[in-house]
Amino acid sequence: MRCPKFPYFRSQTHLRNVASLACQWCGLDDGCQAAHSNHAQHGKGRGIKASDEYTAALCQICHHMVDQSKLARQERDDIWQTAHMRTYKKLKGLGLWPLDIDPYLEENDEAVAFLGVKNSHLFG
């Protein structure tokens, strides 16, 4: 039985917009990166990055902390999720979030369960 193909969103413009922000975890405003999610429900697989809508603006230090540090998995997830929501809200407010992509819509059940419900306080 085959798994359905993940609907990847790829956009260099979006990645540049994400990277143009200050770090959405520590606030450093110098040389941010578009840090992709490390979760399969966002399209992450062996040798492939998650879909581009699941990127957070993180400085190099925070990006390393999320991807390669010895922090507990839950702590790393919480950092990325918080930074992702802040990235989303910031780009949406600037009119730079892609209009046809919204990882927080109810129809994206797995993404909403992973990102929205657990961190609903971030929507306020």
PDB file of N, CA and C in Angstrom:
ATOM      1  N   MET A   1       0.848  -1.182   0.000  1.00  0.00           N
ATOM      2  CA  MET A   1       0.000   0.000   0.000  1.00  0.00           C
ATOM      3  C   MET A   1       0.889   1.240   0.000  1.00  0.00           C
ATOM      4  N   ARG A   2       0.609   2.148  -0.872  1.00  0.00           N
ATOM      5  CA  ARG A   2       1.396   3.371  -0.984  1.00  0.00           C
ATOM      6  C   ARG A   2       0.812   4.480  -0.136  1.00  0.00           C
ATOM      7  N   CYS A   3       1.704   5.285   0.403  1.00  0.00           N
ATOM      8  CA  CYS A   3       1.278   6.472   1.134  1.00  0.00           C
ATOM      9  C   CYS A   3       0.988   7.587   0.128  1.00  0.00           C
ATOM     10  N   PRO A   4       0.002   8.440   0.405  1.00  0.00           N
ATOM     11  CA  PRO A   4      -0.252   9.546  -0.518  1.00  0.00           C
ATOM     12  C   PRO A   4       0.937  10.506  -0.530  1.00  0.00           C
ATOM     13  N   LYS A   5       1.184  11.071  -1.700  1.00  0.00           N
ATOM     14  CA  LYS A   5       2.296  12.000  -1.846  1.00  0.00           C
ATOM     15  C   LYS A   5       2.016  13.289  -1.061  1.00  0.00           C
ATOM     16  N   PHE A   6       3.035  13.776  -0.374  1.00  0.00           N
ATOM     17  CA  PHE A   6       2.894  14.998   0.405  1.00  0.00           C
ATOM     18  C   PHE A   6       2.848  16.198  -0.547  1.00  0.00           C
ATOM     19  N   PRO A   7       1.924  17.147  -0.336  1.00  0.00           N
ATOM     20  CA  PRO A   7       1.821  18.324  -1.222  1.00  0.00           C
ATOM     21  C   PRO A   7       2.842  19.403  -0.832  1.00  0.00           C
ATOM     22  N   TYR A   8       4.057  19.264  -1.328  1.00  0.00           N
ATOM     23  CA  TYR A   8       5.122  20.209  -0.971  1.00  0.00           C
ATOM     24  C   TYR A   8       4.893  21.585  -1.564  1.00  0.00           C
ATOM     25  N   PHE A   9       5.217  22.589  -0.777  1.00  0.00           N
ATOM     26  CA  PHE A   9       5.255  23.978  -1.223  1.00  0.00           C
ATOM     27  C   PHE A   9       6.726  24.370  -1.234  1.00  0.00           C
ATOM     28  N   ARG A  10       7.219  24.822  -2.375  1.00  0.00           N
ATOM     29  CA  ARG A  10       8.602  25.260  -2.494  1.00  0.00           C
ATOM     30  C   ARG A  10       8.619  26.673  -3.055  1.00  0.00           C
ATOM     31  N   SER A  11       9.355  27.573  -2.386  1.00  0.00           N
ATOM     32  CA  SER A  11       9.431  28.961  -2.844  1.00  0.00           C
ATOM     33  C   SER A  11      10.691  29.626  -2.301  1.00  0.00           C
ATOM     34  N   GLN A  12      11.593  29.968  -3.199  1.00  0.00           N
ATOM     35  CA  GLN A  12      12.801  30.702  -2.801  1.00  0.00           C
ATOM     36  C   GLN A  12      12.426  32.084  -2.258  1.00  0.00           C
ATOM     37  N   THR A  13      11.397  32.699  -2.824  1.00  0.00           N
ATOM     38  CA  THR A  13      10.948  34.008  -2.339  1.00  0.00           C
ATOM     39  C   THR A  13      10.482  33.896  -0.890  1.00  0.00           C
ATOM     40  N   HIS A  14       9.692  32.873  -0.600  1.00  0.00           N
ATOM     41  CA  HIS A  14       9.215  32.681   0.772  1.00  0.00           C
ATOM     42  C   HIS A  14      10.393  32.445   1.726  1.00  0.00           C
ATOM     43  N   LEU A  15      11.340  31.624   1.324  1.00  0.00           N
ATOM     44  CA  LEU A  15      12.499  31.350   2.184  1.00  0.00           C
ATOM     45  C   LEU A  15      13.309  32.624   2.435  1.00  0.00           C
ATOM     46  N   ARG A  16      13.445  33.464   1.412  1.00  0.00           N
ATOM     47  CA  ARG A  16      14.140  34.754   1.596  1.00  0.00           C
ATOM     48  C   ARG A  16      13.361  35.663   2.552  1.00  0.00           C
ATOM     49  N   ASN A  17      12.035  35.682   2.424  1.00  0.00           N
ATOM     50  CA  ASN A  17      11.208  36.490   3.332  1.00  0.00           C
ATOM     51  C   ASN A  17      11.362  36.021   4.778  1.00  0.00           C
ATOM     52  N   VAL A  18      11.351  34.722   4.984  1.00  0.00           N
ATOM     53  CA  VAL A  18      11.533  34.175   6.335  1.00  0.00           C
ATOM     54  C   VAL A  18      12.903  34.586   6.872  1.00  0.00           C
ATOM     55  N   ALA A  19      13.942  34.396   6.071  1.00  0.00           N
ATOM     56  CA  ALA A  19      15.311  34.689   6.502  1.00  0.00           C
ATOM     57  C   ALA A  19      15.556  36.185   6.703  1.00  0.00           C
ATOM     58  N   SER A  20      14.689  37.035   6.150  1.00  0.00           N
ATOM     59  CA  SER A  20      14.870  38.485   6.284  1.00  0.00           C
ATOM     60  C   SER A  20      14.440  39.004   7.658  1.00  0.00           C
ATOM     61  N   LEU A  21      13.707  38.181   8.410  1.00  0.00           N
ATOM     62  CA  LEU A  21      13.222  38.588   9.729  1.00  0.00           C
ATOM     63  C   LEU A  21      14.302  38.441  10.789  1.00  0.00           C
ATOM     64  N   ALA A  22      14.094  39.100  11.910  1.00  0.00           N
ATOM     65  CA  ALA A  22      14.932  38.849  13.089  1.00  0.00           C
ATOM     66  C   ALA A  22      14.607  37.452  13.604  1.00  0.00           C
ATOM     67  N   CYS A  23      15.503  36.879  14.380  1.00  0.00           N
ATOM     68  CA  CYS A  23      15.258  35.561  14.974  1.00  0.00           C
ATOM     69  C   CYS A  23      13.972  35.630  15.791  1.00  0.00           C
ATOM     70  N   GLN A  24      13.077  34.713  15.517  1.00  0.00           N
ATOM     71  CA  GLN A  24      11.786  34.715  16.186  1.00  0.00           C
ATOM     72  C   GLN A  24      11.808  33.944  17.503  1.00  0.00           C
ATOM     73  N   TRP A  25      13.011  33.548  17.935  1.00  0.00           N
ATOM     74  CA  TRP A  25      13.158  32.968  19.262  1.00  0.00           C
ATOM     75  C   TRP A  25      13.917  33.915  20.188  1.00  0.00           C
ATOM     76  N   CYS A  26      15.121  34.351  19.773  1.00  0.00           N
ATOM     77  CA  CYS A  26      15.948  35.171  20.674  1.00  0.00           C
ATOM     78  C   CYS A  26      15.944  36.655  20.311  1.00  0.00           C
ATOM     79  N   GLY A  27      15.485  37.003  19.103  1.00  0.00           N
ATOM     80  CA  GLY A  27      15.400  38.400  18.704  1.00  0.00           C
ATOM     81  C   GLY A  27      16.612  38.941  17.964  1.00  0.00           C
ATOM     82  N   LEU A  28      17.671  38.147  17.827  1.00  0.00           N
ATOM     83  CA  LEU A  28      18.861  38.593  17.105  1.00  0.00           C
ATOM     84  C   LEU A  28      18.482  38.993  15.684  1.00  0.00           C
ATOM     85  N   ASP A  29      18.926  40.152  15.261  1.00  0.00           N
ATOM     86  CA  ASP A  29      18.541  40.685  13.952  1.00  0.00           C
ATOM     87  C   ASP A  29      19.740  40.726  13.008  1.00  0.00           C
ATOM     88  N   ASP A  30      20.428  39.606  12.892  1.00  0.00           N
ATOM     89  CA  ASP A  30      21.614  39.565  12.047  1.00  0.00           C
ATOM     90  C   ASP A  30      21.802  38.166  11.475  1.00  0.00           C
ATOM     91  N   GLY A  31      21.502  38.017  10.213  1.00  0.00           N
ATOM     92  CA  GLY A  31      21.781  36.755   9.534  1.00  0.00           C
ATOM     93  C   GLY A  31      20.895  35.588   9.921  1.00  0.00           C
ATOM     94  N   CYS A  32      19.586  35.769   9.876  1.00  0.00           N
ATOM     95  CA  CYS A  32      18.678  34.660  10.185  1.00  0.00           C
ATOM     96  C   CYS A  32      18.602  33.670   9.033  1.00  0.00           C
ATOM     97  N   GLN A  33      18.100  32.495   9.363  1.00  0.00           N
ATOM     98  CA  GLN A  33      17.943  31.411   8.409  1.00  0.00           C
ATOM     99  C   GLN A  33      16.505  30.919   8.445  1.00  0.00           C
ATOM    100  N   ALA A  34      16.080  30.319   7.338  1.00  0.00           N
ATOM    101  CA  ALA A  34      14.774  29.668   7.296  1.00  0.00           C
ATOM    102  C   ALA A  34      14.970  28.241   7.790  1.00  0.00           C
ATOM    103  N   ALA A  35      14.579  27.983   9.026  1.00  0.00           N
ATOM    104  CA  ALA A  35      14.766  26.672   9.652  1.00  0.00           C
ATOM    105  C   ALA A  35      13.536  25.809   9.406  1.00  0.00           C
ATOM    106  N   HIS A  36      13.704  24.732   8.642  1.00  0.00           N
ATOM    107  CA  HIS A  36      12.601  23.826   8.328  1.00  0.00           C
ATOM    108  C   HIS A  36      12.257  22.944   9.527  1.00  0.00           C
ATOM    109  N   SER A  37      10.991  22.564   9.592  1.00  0.00           N
ATOM    110  CA  SER A  37      10.520  21.614  10.602  1.00  0.00           C
ATOM    111  C   SER A  37      11.254  20.286  10.434  1.00  0.00           C
ATOM    112  N   ASN A  38      11.369  19.553  11.521  1.00  0.00           N
ATOM    113  CA  ASN A  38      11.990  18.227  11.492  1.00  0.00           C
ATOM    114  C   ASN A  38      10.961  17.107  11.651  1.00  0.00           C
ATOM    115  N   HIS A  39       9.701  17.394  11.311  1.00  0.00           N
ATOM    116  CA  HIS A  39       8.633  16.423  11.522  1.00  0.00           C
ATOM    117  C   HIS A  39       8.050  15.904  10.210  1.00  0.00           C
ATOM    118  N   ALA A  40       7.795  14.602  10.180  1.00  0.00           N
ATOM    119  CA  ALA A  40       7.268  13.944   8.981  1.00  0.00           C
ATOM    120  C   ALA A  40       5.924  14.518   8.553  1.00  0.00           C
ATOM    121  N   GLN A  41       5.073  14.923   9.498  1.00  0.00           N
ATOM    122  CA  GLN A  41       3.768  15.447   9.106  1.00  0.00           C
ATOM    123  C   GLN A  41       3.882  16.763   8.347  1.00  0.00           C
ATOM    124  N   HIS A  42       5.071  17.365   8.327  1.00  0.00           N
ATOM    125  CA  HIS A  42       5.327  18.587   7.552  1.00  0.00           C
ATOM    126  C   HIS A  42       6.112  18.288   6.285  1.00  0.00           C
ATOM    127  N   GLY A  43       6.254  17.000   5.967  1.00  0.00           N
ATOM    128  CA  GLY A  43       6.920  16.601   4.737  1.00  0.00           C
ATOM    129  C   GLY A  43       8.381  16.220   4.895  1.00  0.00           C
ATOM    130  N   LYS A  44       8.909  16.299   6.118  1.00  0.00           N
ATOM    131  CA  LYS A  44      10.306  15.921   6.349  1.00  0.00           C
ATOM    132  C   LYS A  44      10.462  14.431   6.112  1.00  0.00           C
ATOM    133  N   GLY A  45      11.473  14.091   5.359  1.00  0.00           N
ATOM    134  CA  GLY A  45      11.757  12.685   5.093  1.00  0.00           C
ATOM    135  C   GLY A  45      13.251  12.488   4.994  1.00  0.00           C
ATOM    136  N   ARG A  46      13.643  11.293   4.747  1.00  0.00           N
ATOM    137  CA  ARG A  46      15.050  10.984   4.593  1.00  0.00           C
ATOM    138  C   ARG A  46      15.590  11.701   3.359  1.00  0.00           C
ATOM    139  N   GLY A  47      16.488  12.638   3.584  1.00  0.00           N
ATOM    140  CA  GLY A  47      17.095  13.361   2.469  1.00  0.00           C
ATOM    141  C   GLY A  47      16.229  14.458   1.876  1.00  0.00           C
ATOM    142  N   ILE A  48      15.099  14.784   2.503  1.00  0.00           N
ATOM    143  CA  ILE A  48      14.247  15.857   1.976  1.00  0.00           C
ATOM    144  C   ILE A  48      13.779  16.744   3.129  1.00  0.00           C
ATOM    145  N   LYS A  49      13.828  18.032   2.895  1.00  0.00           N
ATOM    146  CA  LYS A  49      13.377  18.993   3.903  1.00  0.00           C
ATOM    147  C   LYS A  49      11.856  19.050   3.931  1.00  0.00           C
ATOM    148  N   ALA A  50      11.325  19.515   5.034  1.00  0.00           N
ATOM    149  CA  ALA A  50       9.886  19.730   5.150  1.00  0.00           C
ATOM    150  C   ALA A  50       9.452  20.778   4.125  1.00  0.00           C
ATOM    151  N   SER A  51       8.171  20.845   3.891  1.00  0.00           N
ATOM    152  CA  SER A  51       7.602  21.837   2.986  1.00  0.00           C
ATOM    153  C   SER A  51       7.942  23.240   3.489  1.00  0.00           C
ATOM    154  N   ASP A  52       8.116  24.175   2.562  1.00  0.00           N
ATOM    155  CA  ASP A  52       8.619  25.510   2.913  1.00  0.00           C
ATOM    156  C   ASP A  52       7.692  26.337   3.797  1.00  0.00           C
ATOM    157  N   GLU A  53       6.383  26.005   3.860  1.00  0.00           N
ATOM    158  CA  GLU A  53       5.538  26.780   4.779  1.00  0.00           C
ATOM    159  C   GLU A  53       5.833  26.431   6.234  1.00  0.00           C
ATOM    160  N   TYR A  54       6.552  25.349   6.448  1.00  0.00           N
ATOM    161  CA  TYR A  54       6.940  24.946   7.797  1.00  0.00           C
ATOM    162  C   TYR A  54       8.392  25.348   8.062  1.00  0.00           C
ATOM    163  N   THR A  55       8.637  26.652   7.949  1.00  0.00           N
ATOM    164  CA  THR A  55       9.951  27.214   8.249  1.00  0.00           C
ATOM    165  C   THR A  55       9.785  28.315   9.294  1.00  0.00           C
ATOM    166  N   ALA A  56      10.796  28.447  10.127  1.00  0.00           N
ATOM    167  CA  ALA A  56      10.804  29.481  11.162  1.00  0.00           C
ATOM    168  C   ALA A  56      12.058  30.322  10.997  1.00  0.00           C
ATOM    169  N   ALA A  57      11.946  31.613  11.248  1.00  0.00           N
ATOM    170  CA  ALA A  57      13.105  32.507  11.191  1.00  0.00           C
ATOM    171  C   ALA A  57      13.924  32.322  12.467  1.00  0.00           C
ATOM    172  N   LEU A  58      15.095  31.716  12.329  1.00  0.00           N
ATOM    173  CA  LEU A  58      15.981  31.477  13.463  1.00  0.00           C
ATOM    174  C   LEU A  58      17.396  31.916  13.113  1.00  0.00           C
ATOM    175  N   CYS A  59      18.095  32.489  14.095  1.00  0.00           N
ATOM    176  CA  CYS A  59      19.504  32.818  13.892  1.00  0.00           C
ATOM    177  C   CYS A  59      20.291  31.496  13.858  1.00  0.00           C
ATOM    178  N   GLN A  60      21.540  31.569  13.483  1.00  0.00           N
ATOM    179  CA  GLN A  60      22.347  30.359  13.359  1.00  0.00           C
ATOM    180  C   GLN A  60      22.442  29.603  14.689  1.00  0.00           C
ATOM    181  N   ILE A  61      22.575  30.329  15.787  1.00  0.00           N
ATOM    182  CA  ILE A  61      22.694  29.687  17.106  1.00  0.00           C
ATOM    183  C   ILE A  61      21.400  28.955  17.474  1.00  0.00           C
ATOM    184  N   CYS A  62      20.260  29.623  17.307  1.00  0.00           N
ATOM    185  CA  CYS A  62      18.974  28.998  17.645  1.00  0.00           C
ATOM    186  C   CYS A  62      18.651  27.845  16.688  1.00  0.00           C
ATOM    187  N   HIS A  63      19.003  27.997  15.406  1.00  0.00           N
ATOM    188  CA  HIS A  63      18.785  26.935  14.431  1.00  0.00           C
ATOM    189  C   HIS A  63      19.581  25.692  14.840  1.00  0.00           C
ATOM    190  N   HIS A  64      20.825  25.890  15.228  1.00  0.00           N
ATOM    191  CA  HIS A  64      21.652  24.776  15.690  1.00  0.00           C
ATOM    192  C   HIS A  64      21.047  24.147  16.951  1.00  0.00           C
ATOM    193  N   MET A  65      20.543  24.980  17.854  1.00  0.00           N
ATOM    194  CA  MET A  65      19.946  24.500  19.092  1.00  0.00           C
ATOM    195  C   MET A  65      18.741  23.595  18.794  1.00  0.00           C
ATOM    196  N   VAL A  66      17.942  23.969  17.805  1.00  0.00           N
ATOM    197  CA  VAL A  66      16.759  23.189  17.444  1.00  0.00           C
ATOM    198  C   VAL A  66      17.145  21.900  16.712  1.00  0.00           C
ATOM    199  N   ASP A  67      18.134  21.973  15.841  1.00  0.00           N
ATOM    200  CA  ASP A  67      18.482  20.817  15.007  1.00  0.00           C
ATOM    201  C   ASP A  67      19.489  19.857  15.636  1.00  0.00           C
ATOM    202  N   GLN A  68      20.444  20.380  16.412  1.00  0.00           N
ATOM    203  CA  GLN A  68      21.558  19.524  16.789  1.00  0.00           C
ATOM    204  C   GLN A  68      21.962  19.573  18.258  1.00  0.00           C
ATOM    205  N   SER A  69      21.231  20.270  19.078  1.00  0.00           N
ATOM    206  CA  SER A  69      21.641  20.385  20.479  1.00  0.00           C
ATOM    207  C   SER A  69      21.218  19.149  21.276  1.00  0.00           C
ATOM    208  N   LYS A  70      21.648  19.107  22.497  1.00  0.00           N
ATOM    209  CA  LYS A  70      21.309  18.012  23.390  1.00  0.00           C
ATOM    210  C   LYS A  70      20.070  18.323  24.240  1.00  0.00           C
ATOM    211  N   LEU A  71      19.346  19.381  23.860  1.00  0.00           N
ATOM    212  CA  LEU A  71      18.080  19.671  24.550  1.00  0.00           C
ATOM    213  C   LEU A  71      17.112  18.517  24.334  1.00  0.00           C
ATOM    214  N   ALA A  72      16.184  18.357  25.238  1.00  0.00           N
ATOM    215  CA  ALA A  72      15.151  17.337  25.073  1.00  0.00           C
ATOM    216  C   ALA A  72      14.340  17.626  23.816  1.00  0.00           C
ATOM    217  N   ARG A  73      13.875  16.571  23.177  1.00  0.00           N
ATOM    218  CA  ARG A  73      13.112  16.704  21.931  1.00  0.00           C
ATOM    219  C   ARG A  73      11.928  17.663  22.101  1.00  0.00           C
ATOM    220  N   GLN A  74      11.211  17.541  23.205  1.00  0.00           N
ATOM    221  CA  GLN A  74      10.052  18.397  23.445  1.00  0.00           C
ATOM    222  C   GLN A  74      10.450  19.864  23.532  1.00  0.00           C
ATOM    223  N   GLU A  75      11.569  20.152  24.169  1.00  0.00           N
ATOM    224  CA  GLU A  75      12.038  21.530  24.288  1.00  0.00           C
ATOM    225  C   GLU A  75      12.417  22.094  22.914  1.00  0.00           C
ATOM    226  N   ARG A  76      13.099  21.285  22.114  1.00  0.00           N
ATOM    227  CA  ARG A  76      13.452  21.723  20.756  1.00  0.00           C
ATOM    228  C   ARG A  76      12.195  21.957  19.918  1.00  0.00           C
ATOM    229  N   ASP A  77      11.213  21.060  20.053  1.00  0.00           N
ATOM    230  CA  ASP A  77       9.946  21.225  19.333  1.00  0.00           C
ATOM    231  C   ASP A  77       9.242  22.509  19.753  1.00  0.00           C
ATOM    232  N   ASP A  78       9.214  22.781  21.047  1.00  0.00           N
ATOM    233  CA  ASP A  78       8.551  23.984  21.556  1.00  0.00           C
ATOM    234  C   ASP A  78       9.214  25.253  21.022  1.00  0.00           C
ATOM    235  N   ILE A  79      10.537  25.270  20.977  1.00  0.00           N
ATOM    236  CA  ILE A  79      11.267  26.427  20.432  1.00  0.00           C
ATOM    237  C   ILE A  79      10.900  26.632  18.979  1.00  0.00           C
ATOM    238  N   TRP A  80      10.956  25.558  18.178  1.00  0.00           N
ATOM    239  CA  TRP A  80      10.648  25.690  16.746  1.00  0.00           C
ATOM    240  C   TRP A  80       9.193  26.119  16.543  1.00  0.00           C
ATOM    241  N   GLN A  81       8.261  25.504  17.278  1.00  0.00           N
ATOM    242  CA  GLN A  81       6.840  25.827  17.126  1.00  0.00           C
ATOM    243  C   GLN A  81       6.556  27.287  17.455  1.00  0.00           C
ATOM    244  N   THR A  82       7.153  27.778  18.524  1.00  0.00           N
ATOM    245  CA  THR A  82       6.965  29.176  18.912  1.00  0.00           C
ATOM    246  C   THR A  82       7.530  30.100  17.840  1.00  0.00           C
ATOM    247  N   ALA A  83       8.732  29.806  17.379  1.00  0.00           N
ATOM    248  CA  ALA A  83       9.365  30.626  16.340  1.00  0.00           C
ATOM    249  C   ALA A  83       8.577  30.561  15.035  1.00  0.00           C
ATOM    250  N   HIS A  84       8.025  29.392  14.714  1.00  0.00           N
ATOM    251  CA  HIS A  84       7.234  29.253  13.480  1.00  0.00           C
ATOM    252  C   HIS A  84       5.979  30.108  13.552  1.00  0.00           C
ATOM    253  N   MET A  85       5.272  30.048  14.676  1.00  0.00           N
ATOM    254  CA  MET A  85       4.042  30.851  14.811  1.00  0.00           C
ATOM    255  C   MET A  85       4.367  32.335  14.727  1.00  0.00           C
ATOM    256  N   ARG A  86       5.438  32.756  15.375  1.00  0.00           N
ATOM    257  CA  ARG A  86       5.836  34.160  15.310  1.00  0.00           C
ATOM    258  C   ARG A  86       6.211  34.554  13.885  1.00  0.00           C
ATOM    259  N   THR A  87       6.915  33.671  13.179  1.00  0.00           N
ATOM    260  CA  THR A  87       7.289  33.919  11.780  1.00  0.00           C
ATOM    261  C   THR A  87       6.033  34.086  10.930  1.00  0.00           C
ATOM    262  N   TYR A  88       5.103  33.158  11.103  1.00  0.00           N
ATOM    263  CA  TYR A  88       3.838  33.194  10.362  1.00  0.00           C
ATOM    264  C   TYR A  88       3.097  34.507  10.612  1.00  0.00           C
ATOM    265  N   LYS A  89       2.932  34.862  11.883  1.00  0.00           N
ATOM    266  CA  LYS A  89       2.193  36.085  12.225  1.00  0.00           C
ATOM    267  C   LYS A  89       2.899  37.338  11.697  1.00  0.00           C
ATOM    268  N   LYS A  90       4.225  37.364  11.780  1.00  0.00           N
ATOM    269  CA  LYS A  90       4.986  38.524  11.315  1.00  0.00           C
ATOM    270  C   LYS A  90       4.848  38.679   9.798  1.00  0.00           C
ATOM    271  N   LEU A  91       5.073  37.605   9.054  1.00  0.00           N
ATOM    272  CA  LEU A  91       4.972  37.686   7.589  1.00  0.00           C
ATOM    273  C   LEU A  91       3.539  37.956   7.149  1.00  0.00           C
ATOM    274  N   LYS A  92       2.576  37.365   7.829  1.00  0.00           N
ATOM    275  CA  LYS A  92       1.166  37.618   7.502  1.00  0.00           C
ATOM    276  C   LYS A  92       0.848  39.101   7.716  1.00  0.00           C
ATOM    277  N   GLY A  93       1.316  39.673   8.814  1.00  0.00           N
ATOM    278  CA  GLY A  93       1.104  41.083   9.113  1.00  0.00           C
ATOM    279  C   GLY A  93       1.761  42.017   8.109  1.00  0.00           C
ATOM    280  N   LEU A  94       2.887  41.585   7.549  1.00  0.00           N
ATOM    281  CA  LEU A  94       3.602  42.383   6.544  1.00  0.00           C
ATOM    282  C   LEU A  94       3.057  42.151   5.131  1.00  0.00           C
ATOM    283  N   GLY A  95       2.095  41.254   4.999  1.00  0.00           N
ATOM    284  CA  GLY A  95       1.548  40.920   3.682  1.00  0.00           C
ATOM    285  C   GLY A  95       2.493  40.082   2.847  1.00  0.00           C
ATOM    286  N   LEU A  96       3.409  39.368   3.495  1.00  0.00           N
ATOM    287  CA  LEU A  96       4.412  38.577   2.777  1.00  0.00           C
ATOM    288  C   LEU A  96       4.178  37.074   2.864  1.00  0.00           C
ATOM    289  N   TRP A  97       3.161  36.649   3.620  1.00  0.00           N
ATOM    290  CA  TRP A  97       2.867  35.211   3.671  1.00  0.00           C
ATOM    291  C   TRP A  97       2.121  34.839   2.394  1.00  0.00           C
ATOM    292  N   PRO A  98       2.483  33.724   1.744  1.00  0.00           N
ATOM    293  CA  PRO A  98       1.788  33.314   0.511  1.00  0.00           C
ATOM    294  C   PRO A  98       0.286  33.160   0.740  1.00  0.00           C
ATOM    295  N   LEU A  99      -0.514  33.806  -0.086  1.00  0.00           N
ATOM    296  CA  LEU A  99      -1.961  33.842   0.105  1.00  0.00           C
ATOM    297  C   LEU A  99      -2.622  32.471   0.029  1.00  0.00           C
ATOM    298  N   ASP A 100      -2.075  31.577  -0.789  1.00  0.00           N
ATOM    299  CA  ASP A 100      -2.721  30.280  -0.991  1.00  0.00           C
ATOM    300  C   ASP A 100      -2.210  29.196  -0.031  1.00  0.00           C
ATOM    301  N   ILE A 101      -1.367  29.564   0.898  1.00  0.00           N
ATOM    302  CA  ILE A 101      -0.799  28.610   1.862  1.00  0.00           C
ATOM    303  C   ILE A 101      -1.115  29.080   3.281  1.00  0.00           C
ATOM    304  N   ASP A 102      -1.744  28.211   4.076  1.00  0.00           N
ATOM    305  CA  ASP A 102      -1.996  28.559   5.465  1.00  0.00           C
ATOM    306  C   ASP A 102      -1.905  27.297   6.318  1.00  0.00           C
ATOM    307  N   PRO A 103      -0.784  27.093   7.001  1.00  0.00           N
ATOM    308  CA  PRO A 103      -0.618  25.864   7.784  1.00  0.00           C
ATOM    309  C   PRO A 103      -1.523  25.785   8.999  1.00  0.00           C
ATOM    310  N   TYR A 104      -2.262  26.841   9.303  1.00  0.00           N
ATOM    311  CA  TYR A 104      -3.110  26.848  10.492  1.00  0.00           C
ATOM    312  C   TYR A 104      -4.590  26.753  10.173  1.00  0.00           C
ATOM    313  N   LEU A 105      -4.951  26.466   8.927  1.00  0.00           N
ATOM    314  CA  LEU A 105      -6.357  26.265   8.580  1.00  0.00           C
ATOM    315  C   LEU A 105      -6.849  24.941   9.139  1.00  0.00           C
ATOM    316  N   GLU A 106      -8.109  24.877   9.479  1.00  0.00           N
ATOM    317  CA  GLU A 106      -8.695  23.663  10.047  1.00  0.00           C
ATOM    318  C   GLU A 106      -8.560  22.456   9.126  1.00  0.00           C
ATOM    319  N   GLU A 107      -8.530  22.674   7.807  1.00  0.00           N
ATOM    320  CA  GLU A 107      -8.453  21.538   6.888  1.00  0.00           C
ATOM    321  C   GLU A 107      -7.094  20.843   6.953  1.00  0.00           C
ATOM    322  N   ASN A 108      -6.096  21.485   7.514  1.00  0.00           N
ATOM    323  CA  ASN A 108      -4.784  20.872   7.687  1.00  0.00           C
ATOM    324  C   ASN A 108      -4.738  20.209   9.065  1.00  0.00           C
ATOM    325  N   ASP A 109      -5.538  19.164   9.251  1.00  0.00           N
ATOM    326  CA  ASP A 109      -5.761  18.561  10.563  1.00  0.00           C
ATOM    327  C   ASP A 109      -4.484  18.228  11.324  1.00  0.00           C
ATOM    328  N   GLU A 110      -3.550  17.528  10.672  1.00  0.00           N
ATOM    329  CA  GLU A 110      -2.341  17.117  11.387  1.00  0.00           C
ATOM    330  C   GLU A 110      -1.503  18.326  11.781  1.00  0.00           C
ATOM    331  N   ALA A 111      -1.385  19.296  10.889  1.00  0.00           N
ATOM    332  CA  ALA A 111      -0.583  20.485  11.194  1.00  0.00           C
ATOM    333  C   ALA A 111      -1.221  21.284  12.322  1.00  0.00           C
ATOM    334  N   VAL A 112      -2.545  21.432  12.282  1.00  0.00           N
ATOM    335  CA  VAL A 112      -3.233  22.175  13.332  1.00  0.00           C
ATOM    336  C   VAL A 112      -3.078  21.451  14.667  1.00  0.00           C
ATOM    337  N   ALA A 113      -3.195  20.136  14.651  1.00  0.00           N
ATOM    338  CA  ALA A 113      -3.035  19.374  15.887  1.00  0.00           C
ATOM    339  C   ALA A 113      -1.629  19.552  16.442  1.00  0.00           C
ATOM    340  N   PHE A 114      -0.635  19.541  15.566  1.00  0.00           N
ATOM    341  CA  PHE A 114       0.754  19.662  16.008  1.00  0.00           C
ATOM    342  C   PHE A 114       1.105  21.090  16.399  1.00  0.00           C
ATOM    343  N   LEU A 115       0.654  22.045  15.611  1.00  0.00           N
ATOM    344  CA  LEU A 115       1.055  23.434  15.820  1.00  0.00           C
ATOM    345  C   LEU A 115       0.023  24.254  16.578  1.00  0.00           C
ATOM    346  N   GLY A 116      -1.232  24.178  16.181  1.00  0.00           N
ATOM    347  CA  GLY A 116      -2.229  25.090  16.701  1.00  0.00           C
ATOM    348  C   GLY A 116      -2.800  24.752  18.060  1.00  0.00           C
ATOM    349  N   VAL A 117      -3.241  23.536  18.241  1.00  0.00           N
ATOM    350  CA  VAL A 117      -3.912  23.178  19.486  1.00  0.00           C
ATOM    351  C   VAL A 117      -2.940  23.251  20.657  1.00  0.00           C
ATOM    352  N   LYS A 118      -1.780  22.649  20.502  1.00  0.00           N
ATOM    353  CA  LYS A 118      -0.796  22.636  21.577  1.00  0.00           C
ATOM    354  C   LYS A 118      -0.338  24.040  21.938  1.00  0.00           C
ATOM    355  N   ASN A 119      -0.293  24.910  20.942  1.00  0.00           N
ATOM    356  CA  ASN A 119       0.223  26.262  21.154  1.00  0.00           C
ATOM    357  C   ASN A 119      -0.817  27.323  20.847  1.00  0.00           C
ATOM    358  N   SER A 120      -2.071  27.059  21.196  1.00  0.00           N
ATOM    359  CA  SER A 120      -3.141  27.998  20.874  1.00  0.00           C
ATOM    360  C   SER A 120      -2.913  29.371  21.525  1.00  0.00           C
ATOM    361  N   HIS A 121      -2.150  29.423  22.606  1.00  0.00           N
ATOM    362  CA  HIS A 121      -1.858  30.702  23.258  1.00  0.00           C
ATOM    363  C   HIS A 121      -1.048  31.621  22.333  1.00  0.00           C
ATOM    364  N   LEU A 122      -0.421  31.065  21.324  1.00  0.00           N
ATOM    365  CA  LEU A 122       0.390  31.878  20.401  1.00  0.00           C
ATOM    366  C   LEU A 122      -0.466  32.629  19.400  1.00  0.00           C
ATOM    367  N   PHE A 123      -1.732  32.236  19.232  1.00  0.00           N
ATOM    368  CA  PHE A 123      -2.606  32.904  18.276  1.00  0.00           C
ATOM    369  C   PHE A 123      -3.116  34.235  18.795  1.00  0.00           C
ATOM    370  N   GLY A 124      -3.064  34.451  20.092  1.00  0.00           N
ATOM    371  CA  GLY A 124      -3.649  35.634  20.708  1.00  0.00           C
ATOM    372  C   GLY A 124      -2.961  36.913  20.477  1.00  0.00           C
TER     373      GLY A 124
END
